[in-house]
Amino acid sequence: MNIQALPYIILLGFFYGSTLIASRFSVGQYEPTTYISLRMVIASGAHLLVYWLMSGRRFPKNIELWKRAGLMGAIGTAIPMTAIVSSLQYQSSGVTSLLLTTVPALTVVLAHFSLPDESLSFRKSIGVTLALGGAIMLAISGEDGLPDMAQGSPIGYILVGVAIVFSAIMTIYARKYLKGYDAFDVASIRMLTAGIVLMPFSLLTVGFDMSAVTGEGYFALIYAALVGTFMGLLLSFYVIKKFGATPATMTSYIIPIVAGFGGVVVLGEEFTTTMIVGMVVIVSGIALLQEYGNQPETEETDSVVVKTEPQTS
């Protein structure tokens, strides 16, 4: 890996990890669907601003792109992100980030059965076993990372499991049907679609009560939308184009550290010995899944590159 990419990788990991902390702070003030829909609308507004200000970039009008990216927004963005934010009601941002790091492991398994060029090698099999084994270890231990809960609830793990499954499935979907499209266009449609789907759903199911939201809550929402979603996406594109796809996936190692220890400092969460062991096991497994020798390190295009980093909320 190019050492020049390291500062960008750390910054990107900070963006995503701190967004999980902001989301964990927000769960007491917003309904999850309301929080995600507002976040997607704000991020979509930033995307529209880019289209308006950049003369060389035009808003996508391809009907097929809208159908495919819209489906990914409704199923691969709205559902996982709502599940992730909902899980933060039952466990810390550190635990959630560790579990989300296993998305590449499940993706590799699904790719083996659905993509002809993604066979499950012995090395990948060991990586999958370690990554998923670490997550199972955390689940069996009942670790929640919250000091004020006597016993961890399995609901948080179930919700993250839902997010992992949907994320992995839609990653395979993107590799098959969205690979040739402009990545920024795909992300814009995904965010806009997720906001359009979740906003009326939130209004119909839980209403739109913002009375409990404080100034800090509004700041957390705007931070998650502009830094974790919009700026994180732009920085990710920059890293992929300048340094290659492999360095972009290295953020998977930074996010649990930022979310785990940041949650301790900012929110008073706990980062236990069990969580540290789980992180080492999971990260070791993910490291084995990386195909360093086969990834180009420079001259990436603007077409969709499906990364193996977890979605953050």
C-alpha atoms as a PDB file:
ATOM      1  CA  MET A   1       0.000   0.000   0.000  1.00  0.00           C
ATOM      2  CA  ASN A   2       1.203   3.505  -0.831  1.00  0.00           C
ATOM      3  CA  ILE A   3       2.222   5.155   2.452  1.00  0.00           C
ATOM      4  CA  GLN A   4       0.914   8.467   1.077  1.00  0.00           C
ATOM      5  CA  ALA A   5      -2.603   7.021   1.288  1.00  0.00           C
ATOM      6  CA  LEU A   6      -2.355   6.467   5.043  1.00  0.00           C
ATOM      7  CA  PRO A   7      -3.483   9.970   6.185  1.00  0.00           C
ATOM      8  CA  TYR A   8      -6.521   9.753   3.906  1.00  0.00           C
ATOM      9  CA  ILE A   9      -7.378   6.264   5.155  1.00  0.00           C
ATOM     10  CA  ILE A  10      -7.178   7.416   8.773  1.00  0.00           C
ATOM     11  CA  LEU A  11      -9.303  10.482   8.011  1.00  0.00           C
ATOM     12  CA  LEU A  12     -11.901   8.393   6.194  1.00  0.00           C
ATOM     13  CA  GLY A  13     -12.000   5.909   9.072  1.00  0.00           C
ATOM     14  CA  PHE A  14     -12.475   8.838  11.440  1.00  0.00           C
ATOM     15  CA  PHE A  15     -15.361  10.172   9.346  1.00  0.00           C
ATOM     16  CA  TYR A  16     -17.188   6.846   9.411  1.00  0.00           C
ATOM     17  CA  GLY A  17     -16.349   5.920  12.999  1.00  0.00           C
ATOM     18  CA  SER A  18     -17.321   9.330  14.400  1.00  0.00           C
ATOM     19  CA  THR A  19     -20.585   9.143  12.462  1.00  0.00           C
ATOM     20  CA  LEU A  20     -21.480   6.002  14.400  1.00  0.00           C
ATOM     21  CA  ILE A  21     -20.822   7.924  17.608  1.00  0.00           C
ATOM     22  CA  ALA A  22     -23.036  10.784  16.408  1.00  0.00           C
ATOM     23  CA  SER A  23     -25.782   8.280  15.560  1.00  0.00           C
ATOM     24  CA  ARG A  24     -25.462   6.612  18.962  1.00  0.00           C
ATOM     25  CA  PHE A  25     -25.886  10.036  20.585  1.00  0.00           C
ATOM     26  CA  SER A  26     -28.951  10.726  18.427  1.00  0.00           C
ATOM     27  CA  VAL A  27     -30.978   7.591  19.194  1.00  0.00           C
ATOM     28  CA  GLY A  28     -32.459   9.160  22.310  1.00  0.00           C
ATOM     29  CA  GLN A  29     -33.727  12.169  20.369  1.00  0.00           C
ATOM     30  CA  TYR A  30     -34.920  10.838  17.011  1.00  0.00           C
ATOM     31  CA  GLU A  31     -36.882   7.870  15.821  1.00  0.00           C
ATOM     32  CA  PRO A  32     -34.443   5.818  13.685  1.00  0.00           C
ATOM     33  CA  THR A  33     -36.479   6.176  10.485  1.00  0.00           C
ATOM     34  CA  THR A  34     -36.824   9.926  11.044  1.00  0.00           C
ATOM     35  CA  TYR A  35     -33.107  10.297  11.699  1.00  0.00           C
ATOM     36  CA  ILE A  36     -32.050   8.342   8.601  1.00  0.00           C
ATOM     37  CA  SER A  37     -34.583  10.012   6.306  1.00  0.00           C
ATOM     38  CA  LEU A  38     -33.459  13.483   7.406  1.00  0.00           C
ATOM     39  CA  ARG A  39     -29.827  12.476   7.048  1.00  0.00           C
ATOM     40  CA  MET A  40     -30.387  11.197   3.518  1.00  0.00           C
ATOM     41  CA  VAL A  41     -32.313  14.336   2.521  1.00  0.00           C
ATOM     42  CA  ILE A  42     -29.523  16.607   3.817  1.00  0.00           C
ATOM     43  CA  ALA A  43     -26.840  14.541   2.083  1.00  0.00           C
ATOM     44  CA  SER A  44     -28.897  14.527  -1.127  1.00  0.00           C
ATOM     45  CA  GLY A  45     -29.074  18.311  -0.952  1.00  0.00           C
ATOM     46  CA  ALA A  46     -25.280  18.425  -0.820  1.00  0.00           C
ATOM     47  CA  HIS A  47     -25.122  16.124  -3.851  1.00  0.00           C
ATOM     48  CA  LEU A  48     -27.510  18.343  -5.786  1.00  0.00           C
ATOM     49  CA  LEU A  49     -25.293  21.309  -4.947  1.00  0.00           C
ATOM     50  CA  VAL A  50     -22.330  19.487  -6.499  1.00  0.00           C
ATOM     51  CA  TYR A  51     -24.307  18.892  -9.696  1.00  0.00           C
ATOM     52  CA  TRP A  52     -25.252  22.562  -9.780  1.00  0.00           C
ATOM     53  CA  LEU A  53     -21.770  23.946  -9.122  1.00  0.00           C
ATOM     54  CA  MET A  54     -19.702  21.552 -11.257  1.00  0.00           C
ATOM     55  CA  SER A  55     -20.156  22.326 -14.926  1.00  0.00           C
ATOM     56  CA  GLY A  56     -18.744  18.977 -16.015  1.00  0.00           C
ATOM     57  CA  ARG A  57     -21.201  16.920 -13.984  1.00  0.00           C
ATOM     58  CA  ARG A  58     -24.837  16.537 -14.996  1.00  0.00           C
ATOM     59  CA  PHE A  59     -27.695  15.128 -12.969  1.00  0.00           C
ATOM     60  CA  PRO A  60     -28.317  11.510 -14.083  1.00  0.00           C
ATOM     61  CA  LYS A  61     -31.319  10.928 -16.342  1.00  0.00           C
ATOM     62  CA  ASN A  62     -30.665   7.312 -17.341  1.00  0.00           C
ATOM     63  CA  ILE A  63     -33.885   5.400 -16.559  1.00  0.00           C
ATOM     64  CA  GLU A  64     -32.090   2.066 -16.158  1.00  0.00           C
ATOM     65  CA  LEU A  65     -29.638   3.650 -13.705  1.00  0.00           C
ATOM     66  CA  TRP A  66     -32.500   5.107 -11.685  1.00  0.00           C
ATOM     67  CA  LYS A  67     -34.208   1.720 -11.512  1.00  0.00           C
ATOM     68  CA  ARG A  68     -31.097  -0.158 -10.400  1.00  0.00           C
ATOM     69  CA  ALA A  69     -29.625   2.458  -8.070  1.00  0.00           C
ATOM     70  CA  GLY A  70     -33.090   3.288  -6.743  1.00  0.00           C
ATOM     71  CA  LEU A  71     -33.627  -0.340  -5.782  1.00  0.00           C
ATOM     72  CA  MET A  72     -30.279  -0.312  -4.009  1.00  0.00           C
ATOM     73  CA  GLY A  73     -31.278   2.869  -2.178  1.00  0.00           C
ATOM     74  CA  ALA A  74     -34.595   1.446  -1.014  1.00  0.00           C
ATOM     75  CA  ILE A  75     -33.288  -1.981  -0.008  1.00  0.00           C
ATOM     76  CA  GLY A  76     -29.531  -1.634   0.353  1.00  0.00           C
ATOM     77  CA  THR A  77     -29.466   1.758   2.090  1.00  0.00           C
ATOM     78  CA  ALA A  78     -32.775   2.523   3.820  1.00  0.00           C
ATOM     79  CA  ILE A  79     -33.180  -0.872   5.490  1.00  0.00           C
ATOM     80  CA  PRO A  80     -29.573  -1.467   6.672  1.00  0.00           C
ATOM     81  CA  MET A  81     -29.061   2.072   7.937  1.00  0.00           C
ATOM     82  CA  THR A  82     -32.357   2.081   9.826  1.00  0.00           C
ATOM     83  CA  ALA A  83     -31.453  -1.281  11.364  1.00  0.00           C
ATOM     84  CA  ILE A  84     -28.004  -0.001  12.371  1.00  0.00           C
ATOM     85  CA  VAL A  85     -29.345   3.133  14.056  1.00  0.00           C
ATOM     86  CA  SER A  86     -32.057   1.082  15.771  1.00  0.00           C
ATOM     87  CA  SER A  87     -29.395  -1.320  17.108  1.00  0.00           C
ATOM     88  CA  LEU A  88     -27.639   1.596  18.812  1.00  0.00           C
ATOM     89  CA  GLN A  89     -30.539   1.726  21.259  1.00  0.00           C
ATOM     90  CA  TYR A  90     -29.328  -1.612  22.654  1.00  0.00           C
ATOM     91  CA  GLN A  91     -25.539  -1.537  22.307  1.00  0.00           C
ATOM     92  CA  SER A  92     -22.586   0.789  21.965  1.00  0.00           C
ATOM     93  CA  SER A  93     -21.175   2.271  18.780  1.00  0.00           C
ATOM     94  CA  GLY A  94     -18.056   0.162  19.401  1.00  0.00           C
ATOM     95  CA  VAL A  95     -19.923  -3.147  19.405  1.00  0.00           C
ATOM     96  CA  THR A  96     -21.960  -2.164  16.364  1.00  0.00           C
ATOM     97  CA  SER A  97     -18.862  -1.115  14.413  1.00  0.00           C
ATOM     98  CA  LEU A  98     -17.147  -4.414  15.195  1.00  0.00           C
ATOM     99  CA  LEU A  99     -20.119  -6.421  13.963  1.00  0.00           C
ATOM    100  CA  LEU A 100     -20.443  -4.324  10.798  1.00  0.00           C
ATOM    101  CA  THR A 101     -16.822  -5.040   9.943  1.00  0.00           C
ATOM    102  CA  THR A 102     -17.920  -8.596   9.095  1.00  0.00           C
ATOM    103  CA  VAL A 103     -19.892  -7.426   6.031  1.00  0.00           C
ATOM    104  CA  PRO A 104     -16.986  -8.369   3.683  1.00  0.00           C
ATOM    105  CA  ALA A 105     -16.945 -11.900   5.094  1.00  0.00           C
ATOM    106  CA  LEU A 106     -20.582 -12.562   4.282  1.00  0.00           C
ATOM    107  CA  THR A 107     -20.164 -10.812   0.931  1.00  0.00           C
ATOM    108  CA  VAL A 108     -17.316 -13.184   0.021  1.00  0.00           C
ATOM    109  CA  VAL A 109     -19.509 -16.196   0.845  1.00  0.00           C
ATOM    110  CA  LEU A 110     -22.432 -14.908  -1.222  1.00  0.00           C
ATOM    111  CA  ALA A 111     -20.118 -13.942  -4.085  1.00  0.00           C
ATOM    112  CA  HIS A 112     -18.782 -17.497  -4.205  1.00  0.00           C
ATOM    113  CA  PHE A 113     -22.255 -18.790  -5.081  1.00  0.00           C
ATOM    114  CA  SER A 114     -23.480 -15.910  -7.261  1.00  0.00           C
ATOM    115  CA  LEU A 115     -20.462 -14.497  -9.115  1.00  0.00           C
ATOM    116  CA  PRO A 116     -18.439 -16.780 -11.407  1.00  0.00           C
ATOM    117  CA  ASP A 117     -15.158 -14.874 -10.876  1.00  0.00           C
ATOM    118  CA  GLU A 118     -15.350 -14.774  -7.067  1.00  0.00           C
ATOM    119  CA  SER A 119     -14.397 -18.275  -5.919  1.00  0.00           C
ATOM    120  CA  LEU A 120     -13.900 -19.010  -2.227  1.00  0.00           C
ATOM    121  CA  SER A 121     -10.225 -19.877  -1.823  1.00  0.00           C
ATOM    122  CA  PHE A 122      -8.656 -21.556   1.212  1.00  0.00           C
ATOM    123  CA  ARG A 123      -7.272 -18.224   2.419  1.00  0.00           C
ATOM    124  CA  LYS A 124     -10.661 -16.568   2.067  1.00  0.00           C
ATOM    125  CA  SER A 125     -12.318 -19.470   3.874  1.00  0.00           C
ATOM    126  CA  ILE A 126     -10.017 -18.966   6.864  1.00  0.00           C
ATOM    127  CA  GLY A 127     -10.721 -15.219   6.758  1.00  0.00           C
ATOM    128  CA  VAL A 128     -14.477 -15.744   6.691  1.00  0.00           C
ATOM    129  CA  THR A 129     -14.256 -18.222   9.572  1.00  0.00           C
ATOM    130  CA  LEU A 130     -12.240 -15.815  11.712  1.00  0.00           C
ATOM    131  CA  ALA A 131     -14.375 -12.757  10.961  1.00  0.00           C
ATOM    132  CA  LEU A 132     -17.712 -14.445  11.533  1.00  0.00           C
ATOM    133  CA  GLY A 133     -16.289 -16.398  14.470  1.00  0.00           C
ATOM    134  CA  GLY A 134     -15.277 -13.163  16.171  1.00  0.00           C
ATOM    135  CA  ALA A 135     -18.781 -11.770  15.713  1.00  0.00           C
ATOM    136  CA  ILE A 136     -20.328 -14.966  17.084  1.00  0.00           C
ATOM    137  CA  MET A 137     -18.011 -14.769  20.084  1.00  0.00           C
ATOM    138  CA  LEU A 138     -19.252 -11.249  20.843  1.00  0.00           C
ATOM    139  CA  ALA A 139     -22.864 -12.363  20.479  1.00  0.00           C
ATOM    140  CA  ILE A 140     -22.417 -15.365  22.791  1.00  0.00           C
ATOM    141  CA  SER A 141     -20.753 -13.183  25.399  1.00  0.00           C
ATOM    142  CA  GLY A 142     -23.703 -10.780  25.314  1.00  0.00           C
ATOM    143  CA  GLU A 143     -21.324  -7.823  25.116  1.00  0.00           C
ATOM    144  CA  ASP A 144     -23.163  -4.513  24.637  1.00  0.00           C
ATOM    145  CA  GLY A 145     -20.520  -1.938  25.588  1.00  0.00           C
ATOM    146  CA  LEU A 146     -23.006   0.063  27.657  1.00  0.00           C
ATOM    147  CA  PRO A 147     -22.227   0.709  31.333  1.00  0.00           C
ATOM    148  CA  ASP A 148     -25.863   1.287  32.332  1.00  0.00           C
ATOM    149  CA  MET A 149     -27.281  -2.025  31.090  1.00  0.00           C
ATOM    150  CA  ALA A 150     -27.094  -5.035  33.402  1.00  0.00           C
ATOM    151  CA  GLN A 151     -27.448  -7.547  30.578  1.00  0.00           C
ATOM    152  CA  GLY A 152     -27.055  -7.131  26.852  1.00  0.00           C
ATOM    153  CA  SER A 153     -30.129  -7.478  24.640  1.00  0.00           C
ATOM    154  CA  PRO A 154     -30.013  -9.784  21.612  1.00  0.00           C
ATOM    155  CA  ILE A 155     -32.176  -7.286  19.721  1.00  0.00           C
ATOM    156  CA  GLY A 156     -29.155  -5.138  18.903  1.00  0.00           C
ATOM    157  CA  TYR A 157     -27.288  -8.111  17.431  1.00  0.00           C
ATOM    158  CA  ILE A 158     -30.351  -9.173  15.425  1.00  0.00           C
ATOM    159  CA  LEU A 159     -30.753  -5.686  13.964  1.00  0.00           C
ATOM    160  CA  VAL A 160     -27.087  -5.491  12.976  1.00  0.00           C
ATOM    161  CA  GLY A 161     -27.416  -8.982  11.509  1.00  0.00           C
ATOM    162  CA  VAL A 162     -30.265  -7.718   9.321  1.00  0.00           C
ATOM    163  CA  ALA A 163     -28.093  -4.795   8.205  1.00  0.00           C
ATOM    164  CA  ILE A 164     -25.160  -7.108   7.408  1.00  0.00           C
ATOM    165  CA  VAL A 165     -27.293  -9.480   5.332  1.00  0.00           C
ATOM    166  CA  PHE A 166     -28.950  -6.711   3.305  1.00  0.00           C
ATOM    167  CA  SER A 167     -25.633  -4.903   2.808  1.00  0.00           C
ATOM    168  CA  ALA A 168     -23.890  -8.058   1.595  1.00  0.00           C
ATOM    169  CA  ILE A 169     -26.718  -8.964  -0.787  1.00  0.00           C
ATOM    170  CA  MET A 170     -26.823  -5.479  -2.259  1.00  0.00           C
ATOM    171  CA  THR A 171     -23.030  -5.458  -2.634  1.00  0.00           C
ATOM    172  CA  ILE A 172     -23.361  -8.495  -4.894  1.00  0.00           C
ATOM    173  CA  TYR A 173     -26.228  -6.756  -6.688  1.00  0.00           C
ATOM    174  CA  ALA A 174     -24.048  -3.684  -7.291  1.00  0.00           C
ATOM    175  CA  ARG A 175     -21.199  -5.783  -8.658  1.00  0.00           C
ATOM    176  CA  LYS A 176     -23.546  -7.422 -11.154  1.00  0.00           C
ATOM    177  CA  TYR A 177     -25.715  -4.507 -12.235  1.00  0.00           C
ATOM    178  CA  LEU A 178     -24.061  -1.174 -11.325  1.00  0.00           C
ATOM    179  CA  LYS A 179     -20.395  -1.697 -12.075  1.00  0.00           C
ATOM    180  CA  GLY A 180     -20.298   0.380 -15.238  1.00  0.00           C
ATOM    181  CA  TYR A 181     -22.084   3.444 -13.893  1.00  0.00           C
ATOM    182  CA  ASP A 182     -20.602   6.612 -12.413  1.00  0.00           C
ATOM    183  CA  ALA A 183     -20.160   6.057  -8.668  1.00  0.00           C
ATOM    184  CA  PHE A 184     -21.214   9.568  -7.664  1.00  0.00           C
ATOM    185  CA  ASP A 185     -24.425   9.256  -9.689  1.00  0.00           C
ATOM    186  CA  VAL A 186     -25.200   5.899  -8.093  1.00  0.00           C
ATOM    187  CA  ALA A 187     -24.606   7.272  -4.582  1.00  0.00           C
ATOM    188  CA  SER A 188     -26.754  10.342  -5.287  1.00  0.00           C
ATOM    189  CA  ILE A 189     -29.695   8.244  -6.445  1.00  0.00           C
ATOM    190  CA  ARG A 190     -29.276   5.825  -3.536  1.00  0.00           C
ATOM    191  CA  MET A 191     -29.409   8.607  -0.953  1.00  0.00           C
ATOM    192  CA  LEU A 192     -32.291  10.427  -2.602  1.00  0.00           C
ATOM    193  CA  THR A 193     -34.304   7.223  -2.956  1.00  0.00           C
ATOM    194  CA  ALA A 194     -33.658   6.197   0.642  1.00  0.00           C
ATOM    195  CA  GLY A 195     -34.863   9.597   1.856  1.00  0.00           C
ATOM    196  CA  ILE A 196     -37.962   9.478  -0.367  1.00  0.00           C
ATOM    197  CA  VAL A 197     -38.846   5.979   0.865  1.00  0.00           C
ATOM    198  CA  LEU A 198     -38.203   6.585   4.552  1.00  0.00           C
ATOM    199  CA  MET A 199     -39.736  10.027   4.953  1.00  0.00           C
ATOM    200  CA  PRO A 200     -43.377   9.013   4.317  1.00  0.00           C
ATOM    201  CA  PHE A 201     -42.805   5.706   6.117  1.00  0.00           C
ATOM    202  CA  SER A 202     -41.639   7.609   9.188  1.00  0.00           C
ATOM    203  CA  LEU A 203     -44.563  10.026   8.995  1.00  0.00           C
ATOM    204  CA  LEU A 204     -47.085   7.170   8.779  1.00  0.00           C
ATOM    205  CA  THR A 205     -45.579   4.925  11.466  1.00  0.00           C
ATOM    206  CA  VAL A 206     -44.019   7.136  14.143  1.00  0.00           C
ATOM    207  CA  GLY A 207     -44.937  10.665  13.092  1.00  0.00           C
ATOM    208  CA  PHE A 208     -42.439  13.475  12.897  1.00  0.00           C
ATOM    209  CA  ASP A 209     -41.987  14.599  16.486  1.00  0.00           C
ATOM    210  CA  MET A 210     -38.849  16.730  16.885  1.00  0.00           C
ATOM    211  CA  SER A 211     -39.687  18.062  20.346  1.00  0.00           C
ATOM    212  CA  ALA A 212     -36.982  15.984  22.057  1.00  0.00           C
ATOM    213  CA  VAL A 213     -34.212  17.127  19.727  1.00  0.00           C
ATOM    214  CA  THR A 214     -31.676  19.472  21.310  1.00  0.00           C
ATOM    215  CA  GLY A 215     -29.135  21.733  19.665  1.00  0.00           C
ATOM    216  CA  GLU A 216     -26.561  18.968  20.056  1.00  0.00           C
ATOM    217  CA  GLY A 217     -28.998  16.570  18.396  1.00  0.00           C
ATOM    218  CA  TYR A 218     -29.357  18.797  15.343  1.00  0.00           C
ATOM    219  CA  PHE A 219     -25.580  19.152  15.178  1.00  0.00           C
ATOM    220  CA  ALA A 220     -25.163  15.355  15.342  1.00  0.00           C
ATOM    221  CA  LEU A 221     -27.658  14.925  12.495  1.00  0.00           C
ATOM    222  CA  ILE A 222     -25.975  17.519  10.271  1.00  0.00           C
ATOM    223  CA  TYR A 223     -22.538  16.111  11.109  1.00  0.00           C
ATOM    224  CA  ALA A 224     -23.598  12.570  10.189  1.00  0.00           C
ATOM    225  CA  ALA A 225     -25.191  13.761   6.938  1.00  0.00           C
ATOM    226  CA  LEU A 226     -22.431  16.068   5.708  1.00  0.00           C
ATOM    227  CA  VAL A 227     -19.310  14.481   7.199  1.00  0.00           C
ATOM    228  CA  GLY A 228     -20.118  10.788   7.517  1.00  0.00           C
ATOM    229  CA  THR A 229     -22.242  10.493   4.389  1.00  0.00           C
ATOM    230  CA  PHE A 230     -21.386  13.253   1.918  1.00  0.00           C
ATOM    231  CA  MET A 231     -17.731  14.126   2.696  1.00  0.00           C
ATOM    232  CA  GLY A 232     -16.931  10.493   3.513  1.00  0.00           C
ATOM    233  CA  LEU A 233     -18.192   9.483   0.088  1.00  0.00           C
ATOM    234  CA  LEU A 234     -16.173  12.151  -1.709  1.00  0.00           C
ATOM    235  CA  LEU A 235     -13.009  11.253   0.211  1.00  0.00           C
ATOM    236  CA  SER A 236     -13.576   7.575  -0.537  1.00  0.00           C
ATOM    237  CA  PHE A 237     -13.808   8.349  -4.260  1.00  0.00           C
ATOM    238  CA  TYR A 238     -10.606  10.383  -4.049  1.00  0.00           C
ATOM    239  CA  VAL A 239      -8.710   7.569  -2.329  1.00  0.00           C
ATOM    240  CA  ILE A 240      -9.906   5.023  -4.887  1.00  0.00           C
ATOM    241  CA  LYS A 241      -8.971   7.212  -7.847  1.00  0.00           C
ATOM    242  CA  LYS A 242      -5.566   8.285  -6.529  1.00  0.00           C
ATOM    243  CA  PHE A 243      -4.348   5.206  -4.655  1.00  0.00           C
ATOM    244  CA  GLY A 244      -6.526   2.282  -5.777  1.00  0.00           C
ATOM    245  CA  ALA A 245      -9.283   0.093  -4.387  1.00  0.00           C
ATOM    246  CA  THR A 246      -7.199  -1.761  -1.792  1.00  0.00           C
ATOM    247  CA  PRO A 247      -6.279   1.290   0.343  1.00  0.00           C
ATOM    248  CA  ALA A 248      -9.943   2.331   0.394  1.00  0.00           C
ATOM    249  CA  THR A 249     -10.875  -0.959   2.058  1.00  0.00           C
ATOM    250  CA  MET A 250      -8.292  -0.385   4.806  1.00  0.00           C
ATOM    251  CA  THR A 251     -10.749   1.963   6.531  1.00  0.00           C
ATOM    252  CA  SER A 252     -12.408  -1.213   7.855  1.00  0.00           C
ATOM    253  CA  TYR A 253      -9.542  -1.452  10.352  1.00  0.00           C
ATOM    254  CA  ILE A 254      -9.841   2.167  11.500  1.00  0.00           C
ATOM    255  CA  ILE A 255     -13.605   2.430  12.023  1.00  0.00           C
ATOM    256  CA  PRO A 256     -13.893   0.064  15.059  1.00  0.00           C
ATOM    257  CA  ILE A 257     -10.981   1.828  16.761  1.00  0.00           C
ATOM    258  CA  VAL A 258     -12.517   5.273  16.277  1.00  0.00           C
ATOM    259  CA  ALA A 259     -16.051   4.164  17.178  1.00  0.00           C
ATOM    260  CA  GLY A 260     -14.905   2.036  20.108  1.00  0.00           C
ATOM    261  CA  PHE A 261     -12.522   4.373  21.871  1.00  0.00           C
ATOM    262  CA  GLY A 262     -14.358   7.502  20.702  1.00  0.00           C
ATOM    263  CA  GLY A 263     -17.546   6.138  22.230  1.00  0.00           C
ATOM    264  CA  VAL A 264     -15.728   5.709  25.540  1.00  0.00           C
ATOM    265  CA  VAL A 265     -14.469   9.306  25.538  1.00  0.00           C
ATOM    266  CA  VAL A 266     -17.545  11.061  24.142  1.00  0.00           C
ATOM    267  CA  LEU A 267     -20.451   8.925  25.365  1.00  0.00           C
ATOM    268  CA  GLY A 268     -19.023   7.083  28.359  1.00  0.00           C
ATOM    269  CA  GLU A 269     -19.346   3.689  26.683  1.00  0.00           C
ATOM    270  CA  GLU A 270     -17.179   0.720  27.599  1.00  0.00           C
ATOM    271  CA  PHE A 271     -14.516  -1.003  25.520  1.00  0.00           C
ATOM    272  CA  THR A 272     -13.937  -4.298  27.258  1.00  0.00           C
ATOM    273  CA  THR A 273     -11.325  -7.014  26.957  1.00  0.00           C
ATOM    274  CA  THR A 274     -13.872  -9.194  25.141  1.00  0.00           C
ATOM    275  CA  MET A 275     -14.399  -6.447  22.575  1.00  0.00           C
ATOM    276  CA  ILE A 276     -10.643  -6.055  22.064  1.00  0.00           C
ATOM    277  CA  VAL A 277     -10.239  -9.798  21.511  1.00  0.00           C
ATOM    278  CA  GLY A 278     -13.218  -9.792  19.152  1.00  0.00           C
ATOM    279  CA  MET A 279     -11.737  -6.879  17.221  1.00  0.00           C
ATOM    280  CA  VAL A 280      -8.404  -8.658  16.801  1.00  0.00           C
ATOM    281  CA  VAL A 281     -10.097 -11.857  15.576  1.00  0.00           C
ATOM    282  CA  ILE A 282     -12.469 -10.048  13.183  1.00  0.00           C
ATOM    283  CA  VAL A 283      -9.817  -7.728  11.769  1.00  0.00           C
ATOM    284  CA  SER A 284      -7.453 -10.683  11.284  1.00  0.00           C
ATOM    285  CA  GLY A 285     -10.148 -12.425   9.272  1.00  0.00           C
ATOM    286  CA  ILE A 286     -10.867  -9.353   7.152  1.00  0.00           C
ATOM    287  CA  ALA A 287      -7.135  -8.945   6.490  1.00  0.00           C
ATOM    288  CA  LEU A 288      -7.061 -12.443   4.991  1.00  0.00           C
ATOM    289  CA  LEU A 289      -9.904 -11.489   2.643  1.00  0.00           C
ATOM    290  CA  GLN A 290      -7.884  -8.697   1.056  1.00  0.00           C
ATOM    291  CA  GLU A 291      -6.437  -9.595  -2.336  1.00  0.00           C
ATOM    292  CA  TYR A 292      -3.513  -7.192  -2.242  1.00  0.00           C
ATOM    293  CA  GLY A 293      -1.686  -8.704  -5.145  1.00  0.00           C
ATOM    294  CA  ASN A 294      -4.640  -8.404  -7.518  1.00  0.00           C
ATOM    295  CA  GLN A 295      -5.772  -4.868  -6.801  1.00  0.00           C
ATOM    296  CA  PRO A 296      -4.563  -1.949  -8.919  1.00  0.00           C
ATOM    297  CA  GLU A 297      -2.982   0.778  -6.869  1.00  0.00           C
ATOM    298  CA  THR A 298      -3.390   3.662  -9.295  1.00  0.00           C
ATOM    299  CA  GLU A 299      -5.488   5.032 -12.118  1.00  0.00           C
ATOM    300  CA  GLU A 300      -8.961   3.995 -10.981  1.00  0.00           C
ATOM    301  CA  THR A 301     -11.953   5.130 -13.021  1.00  0.00           C
ATOM    302  CA  ASP A 302     -15.132   6.882 -11.880  1.00  0.00           C
ATOM    303  CA  SER A 303     -17.220   3.767 -12.371  1.00  0.00           C
ATOM    304  CA  VAL A 304     -18.641   1.986  -9.376  1.00  0.00           C
ATOM    305  CA  VAL A 305     -16.069   0.235  -7.219  1.00  0.00           C
ATOM    306  CA  VAL A 306     -17.858  -1.821  -4.587  1.00  0.00           C
ATOM    307  CA  LYS A 307     -15.764  -1.554  -1.473  1.00  0.00           C
ATOM    308  CA  THR A 308     -15.738  -3.998   1.407  1.00  0.00           C
ATOM    309  CA  GLU A 309     -16.127  -1.414   4.123  1.00  0.00           C
ATOM    310  CA  PRO A 310     -19.244  -1.495   6.282  1.00  0.00           C
ATOM    311  CA  GLN A 311     -22.003   0.980   5.968  1.00  0.00           C
ATOM    312  CA  THR A 312     -22.056   3.432   8.791  1.00  0.00           C
ATOM    313  CA  SER A 313     -24.868   5.318  10.348  1.00  0.00           C
END
